[in-house]
Every structure is written in C-alpha cells, then in structure tokens.
Amino acid sequence: MTDTGFIETEERRTLRSAVAAMASSFGADYYLEKARAGEHTTELWNEAGKLGFLGVNLPEEYGGGGAGIYELALVQEELAAQGAGLLR
C-alpha cells in the first residue's frame, strides 16, 4: 500500500479496529501491572506478533504485511489508546 493520504481507507480502519480489539483484551491494568513489576508484556507481544501487527510494514516476501510506516503507526496508536503504549 503506497497511499499517503490522511483519510483512512477501509483497510486501514479495519487494521485499527483489529489492533484495538486485541489490545483491549489485555487492557491498561495488564500493562500497568507488568510495568510496575518490571516484567515484560510477553503475552501482548506474542499476540500482536501472531496476528501480524508487528510486521505490518515489512515486505510480504519477508513474511510481513506489505504495508508501510503509516500502518505501523496505526498499530502503535491503537496499542497506546488501550493503555499499552510500549511493548516491552
């Protein structure tokens, strides 16, 4: 995808919705608990990877989603909106 417009396509809205749904299943309390304990958010990281969110911007020939940095930013925005701003 090479569209650089700021009006999101249906595909981008779907990605945003899917990431939000996944991250909300963990919630801010999960993230805070892990952060306060100095632990890693392994379960969240593994789920995001399993669903292809971590490599959404990588070329398909390398196992990625074939999208771009815009889509990767959408992933990060939605993780942050659900209280998981950083994957540790």
N, C-alpha and C. Protein backbone atom coordinates (compact mmCIF):
# COMPACT_ATOMS: atom_id res chain seq x y z
N MET A 1 0.85 -1.17 0.00
CA MET A 1 0.00 0.00 0.00
C MET A 1 0.90 1.24 0.00
N THR A 2 0.70 2.13 -0.95
CA THR A 2 1.54 3.32 -1.03
C THR A 2 0.75 4.60 -0.85
N ASP A 3 -0.51 4.50 -0.48
CA ASP A 3 -1.34 5.68 -0.25
C ASP A 3 -0.80 6.47 0.93
N THR A 4 -0.57 7.76 0.73
CA THR A 4 -0.05 8.59 1.81
C THR A 4 -1.07 9.62 2.27
N GLY A 5 -2.33 9.49 1.85
CA GLY A 5 -3.37 10.42 2.27
C GLY A 5 -3.73 10.21 3.73
N PHE A 6 -4.37 11.22 4.29
CA PHE A 6 -4.73 11.15 5.70
C PHE A 6 -6.17 10.73 5.94
N ILE A 7 -6.91 10.50 4.87
CA ILE A 7 -8.25 9.94 5.01
C ILE A 7 -8.07 8.43 4.94
N GLU A 8 -8.41 7.77 6.03
CA GLU A 8 -8.11 6.35 6.11
C GLU A 8 -9.01 5.52 5.22
N THR A 9 -8.39 4.58 4.58
CA THR A 9 -9.11 3.62 3.74
C THR A 9 -9.85 2.64 4.65
N GLU A 10 -10.73 1.88 4.05
CA GLU A 10 -11.44 0.84 4.79
C GLU A 10 -10.45 -0.18 5.36
N GLU A 11 -9.41 -0.49 4.60
CA GLU A 11 -8.40 -1.44 5.06
C GLU A 11 -7.68 -0.91 6.31
N ARG A 12 -7.37 0.36 6.31
CA ARG A 12 -6.71 0.95 7.48
C ARG A 12 -7.64 1.03 8.68
N ARG A 13 -8.90 1.32 8.45
CA ARG A 13 -9.88 1.35 9.55
C ARG A 13 -10.04 -0.06 10.13
N THR A 14 -10.01 -1.06 9.28
CA THR A 14 -10.12 -2.45 9.73
C THR A 14 -8.90 -2.83 10.56
N LEU A 15 -7.71 -2.42 10.12
CA LEU A 15 -6.49 -2.69 10.88
C LEU A 15 -6.58 -2.02 12.25
N ARG A 16 -6.98 -0.76 12.27
CA ARG A 16 -7.10 -0.01 13.52
C ARG A 16 -8.06 -0.73 14.48
N SER A 17 -9.19 -1.17 13.96
CA SER A 17 -10.19 -1.85 14.76
C SER A 17 -9.67 -3.18 15.31
N ALA A 18 -8.97 -3.92 14.48
CA ALA A 18 -8.44 -5.22 14.90
C ALA A 18 -7.39 -5.07 15.99
N VAL A 19 -6.51 -4.08 15.85
CA VAL A 19 -5.49 -3.86 16.88
C VAL A 19 -6.14 -3.41 18.18
N ALA A 20 -7.12 -2.52 18.09
CA ALA A 20 -7.83 -2.05 19.29
C ALA A 20 -8.50 -3.21 20.01
N ALA A 21 -9.12 -4.09 19.26
CA ALA A 21 -9.81 -5.24 19.87
C ALA A 21 -8.81 -6.16 20.57
N MET A 22 -7.69 -6.43 19.92
CA MET A 22 -6.68 -7.29 20.52
C MET A 22 -6.12 -6.64 21.78
N ALA A 23 -5.74 -5.38 21.70
CA ALA A 23 -5.13 -4.71 22.85
C ALA A 23 -6.12 -4.54 24.00
N SER A 24 -7.38 -4.33 23.70
CA SER A 24 -8.37 -4.15 24.77
C SER A 24 -8.59 -5.45 25.54
N SER A 25 -8.29 -6.58 24.92
CA SER A 25 -8.44 -7.84 25.62
C SER A 25 -7.40 -7.98 26.74
N PHE A 26 -6.34 -7.19 26.67
CA PHE A 26 -5.34 -7.15 27.73
C PHE A 26 -5.65 -6.02 28.69
N GLY A 27 -5.91 -4.85 28.17
CA GLY A 27 -6.29 -3.70 28.98
C GLY A 27 -5.13 -2.98 29.64
N ALA A 28 -5.43 -1.78 30.10
CA ALA A 28 -4.42 -0.94 30.74
C ALA A 28 -3.94 -1.54 32.05
N ASP A 29 -4.80 -2.21 32.78
CA ASP A 29 -4.40 -2.81 34.06
C ASP A 29 -3.31 -3.86 33.85
N TYR A 30 -3.45 -4.66 32.81
CA TYR A 30 -2.43 -5.66 32.48
C TYR A 30 -1.09 -4.97 32.27
N TYR A 31 -1.10 -3.92 31.45
CA TYR A 31 0.13 -3.22 31.12
C TYR A 31 0.75 -2.58 32.36
N LEU A 32 -0.07 -1.92 33.16
CA LEU A 32 0.44 -1.27 34.37
C LEU A 32 1.01 -2.28 35.35
N GLU A 33 0.34 -3.39 35.51
CA GLU A 33 0.82 -4.44 36.41
C GLU A 33 2.20 -4.93 35.99
N LYS A 34 2.36 -5.19 34.70
CA LYS A 34 3.64 -5.66 34.18
C LYS A 34 4.71 -4.59 34.35
N ALA A 35 4.39 -3.34 34.02
CA ALA A 35 5.36 -2.26 34.12
C ALA A 35 5.80 -2.03 35.55
N ARG A 36 4.86 -2.02 36.46
CA ARG A 36 5.19 -1.79 37.88
C ARG A 36 6.04 -2.92 38.46
N ALA A 37 5.84 -4.12 37.96
CA ALA A 37 6.60 -5.27 38.44
C ALA A 37 7.94 -5.42 37.70
N GLY A 38 8.18 -4.55 36.71
CA GLY A 38 9.41 -4.65 35.92
C GLY A 38 9.42 -5.86 35.01
N GLU A 39 8.24 -6.36 34.67
CA GLU A 39 8.13 -7.54 33.83
C GLU A 39 7.86 -7.15 32.37
N HIS A 40 8.08 -8.10 31.51
CA HIS A 40 7.82 -7.89 30.09
C HIS A 40 6.37 -8.21 29.76
N THR A 41 5.87 -7.56 28.74
CA THR A 41 4.49 -7.79 28.28
C THR A 41 4.49 -8.90 27.22
N THR A 42 5.04 -10.03 27.59
CA THR A 42 5.26 -11.13 26.65
C THR A 42 3.97 -11.60 25.99
N GLU A 43 2.91 -11.74 26.76
CA GLU A 43 1.65 -12.24 26.20
C GLU A 43 1.10 -11.27 25.14
N LEU A 44 1.16 -9.99 25.45
CA LEU A 44 0.69 -8.98 24.49
C LEU A 44 1.57 -8.97 23.25
N TRP A 45 2.87 -9.01 23.46
CA TRP A 45 3.83 -9.03 22.34
C TRP A 45 3.59 -10.25 21.45
N ASN A 46 3.43 -11.42 22.06
CA ASN A 46 3.21 -12.65 21.28
C ASN A 46 1.92 -12.59 20.49
N GLU A 47 0.86 -12.08 21.10
CA GLU A 47 -0.43 -11.99 20.40
C GLU A 47 -0.35 -11.00 19.24
N ALA A 48 0.28 -9.86 19.46
CA ALA A 48 0.43 -8.87 18.39
C ALA A 48 1.24 -9.45 17.23
N GLY A 49 2.27 -10.22 17.55
CA GLY A 49 3.07 -10.85 16.51
C GLY A 49 2.30 -11.94 15.77
N LYS A 50 1.58 -12.75 16.53
CA LYS A 50 0.80 -13.84 15.92
C LYS A 50 -0.23 -13.29 14.92
N LEU A 51 -0.79 -12.14 15.24
CA LEU A 51 -1.81 -11.54 14.37
C LEU A 51 -1.21 -10.70 13.24
N GLY A 52 0.12 -10.60 13.20
CA GLY A 52 0.79 -9.89 12.11
C GLY A 52 0.92 -8.40 12.30
N PHE A 53 0.63 -7.90 13.47
CA PHE A 53 0.66 -6.45 13.69
C PHE A 53 2.08 -5.91 13.79
N LEU A 54 3.02 -6.71 14.27
CA LEU A 54 4.38 -6.22 14.47
C LEU A 54 5.15 -6.08 13.16
N GLY A 55 4.79 -6.85 12.17
CA GLY A 55 5.47 -6.79 10.89
C GLY A 55 4.60 -6.26 9.78
N VAL A 56 3.59 -5.50 10.14
CA VAL A 56 2.64 -4.99 9.14
C VAL A 56 3.33 -4.17 8.06
N ASN A 57 4.44 -3.54 8.38
CA ASN A 57 5.14 -2.68 7.44
C ASN A 57 6.25 -3.38 6.65
N LEU A 58 6.51 -4.62 6.96
CA LEU A 58 7.59 -5.33 6.27
C LEU A 58 7.11 -5.92 4.95
N PRO A 59 8.01 -6.03 3.98
CA PRO A 59 7.62 -6.60 2.69
C PRO A 59 7.07 -8.02 2.84
N GLU A 60 6.11 -8.35 2.02
CA GLU A 60 5.49 -9.67 2.07
C GLU A 60 6.50 -10.79 1.82
N GLU A 61 7.48 -10.54 0.95
CA GLU A 61 8.46 -11.59 0.65
C GLU A 61 9.33 -11.94 1.86
N TYR A 62 9.28 -11.11 2.91
CA TYR A 62 10.00 -11.41 4.15
C TYR A 62 9.04 -11.78 5.27
N GLY A 63 7.81 -12.09 4.92
CA GLY A 63 6.83 -12.52 5.91
C GLY A 63 6.01 -11.40 6.54
N GLY A 64 6.16 -10.19 6.04
CA GLY A 64 5.43 -9.06 6.58
C GLY A 64 4.09 -8.84 5.91
N GLY A 65 3.45 -7.78 6.30
CA GLY A 65 2.13 -7.46 5.77
C GLY A 65 2.15 -6.70 4.47
N GLY A 66 3.30 -6.17 4.09
CA GLY A 66 3.41 -5.46 2.82
C GLY A 66 2.87 -4.05 2.85
N ALA A 67 2.55 -3.53 4.02
CA ALA A 67 2.03 -2.17 4.13
C ALA A 67 3.21 -1.22 4.37
N GLY A 68 2.95 -0.11 5.03
CA GLY A 68 4.01 0.87 5.23
C GLY A 68 4.09 1.38 6.66
N ILE A 69 4.85 2.44 6.82
CA ILE A 69 5.06 3.03 8.14
C ILE A 69 3.76 3.63 8.68
N TYR A 70 2.89 4.08 7.81
CA TYR A 70 1.58 4.60 8.24
C TYR A 70 0.82 3.53 9.00
N GLU A 71 0.79 2.33 8.46
CA GLU A 71 0.08 1.23 9.10
C GLU A 71 0.74 0.82 10.42
N LEU A 72 2.07 0.86 10.45
CA LEU A 72 2.77 0.56 11.70
C LEU A 72 2.43 1.61 12.76
N ALA A 73 2.30 2.87 12.34
CA ALA A 73 1.90 3.94 13.26
C ALA A 73 0.48 3.69 13.77
N LEU A 74 -0.41 3.20 12.93
CA LEU A 74 -1.77 2.87 13.37
C LEU A 74 -1.74 1.81 14.47
N VAL A 75 -0.88 0.82 14.28
CA VAL A 75 -0.75 -0.23 15.29
C VAL A 75 -0.33 0.39 16.62
N GLN A 76 0.70 1.23 16.58
CA GLN A 76 1.20 1.85 17.81
C GLN A 76 0.15 2.76 18.44
N GLU A 77 -0.56 3.52 17.63
CA GLU A 77 -1.61 4.41 18.15
C GLU A 77 -2.68 3.62 18.89
N GLU A 78 -3.12 2.54 18.31
CA GLU A 78 -4.18 1.75 18.94
C GLU A 78 -3.71 1.02 20.18
N LEU A 79 -2.47 0.56 20.18
CA LEU A 79 -1.92 -0.04 21.39
C LEU A 79 -1.89 1.01 22.52
N ALA A 80 -1.43 2.20 22.19
CA ALA A 80 -1.36 3.27 23.18
C ALA A 80 -2.74 3.68 23.66
N ALA A 81 -3.70 3.73 22.77
CA ALA A 81 -5.06 4.11 23.14
C ALA A 81 -5.67 3.11 24.12
N GLN A 82 -5.20 1.88 24.09
CA GLN A 82 -5.71 0.84 25.01
C GLN A 82 -4.84 0.71 26.26
N GLY A 83 -3.88 1.62 26.42
CA GLY A 83 -3.06 1.64 27.63
C GLY A 83 -1.75 0.89 27.53
N ALA A 84 -1.41 0.43 26.34
CA ALA A 84 -0.16 -0.32 26.16
C ALA A 84 0.72 0.42 25.16
N GLY A 85 1.20 1.58 25.58
CA GLY A 85 1.95 2.45 24.67
C GLY A 85 3.27 1.90 24.20
N LEU A 86 3.88 1.04 24.97
CA LEU A 86 5.16 0.45 24.58
C LEU A 86 5.09 -1.06 24.79
N LEU A 87 5.65 -1.78 23.86
CA LEU A 87 5.78 -3.22 24.05
C LEU A 87 7.16 -3.46 24.63
N ARG A 88 7.19 -4.04 25.79
CA ARG A 88 8.46 -4.27 26.47
C ARG A 88 8.68 -5.75 26.61
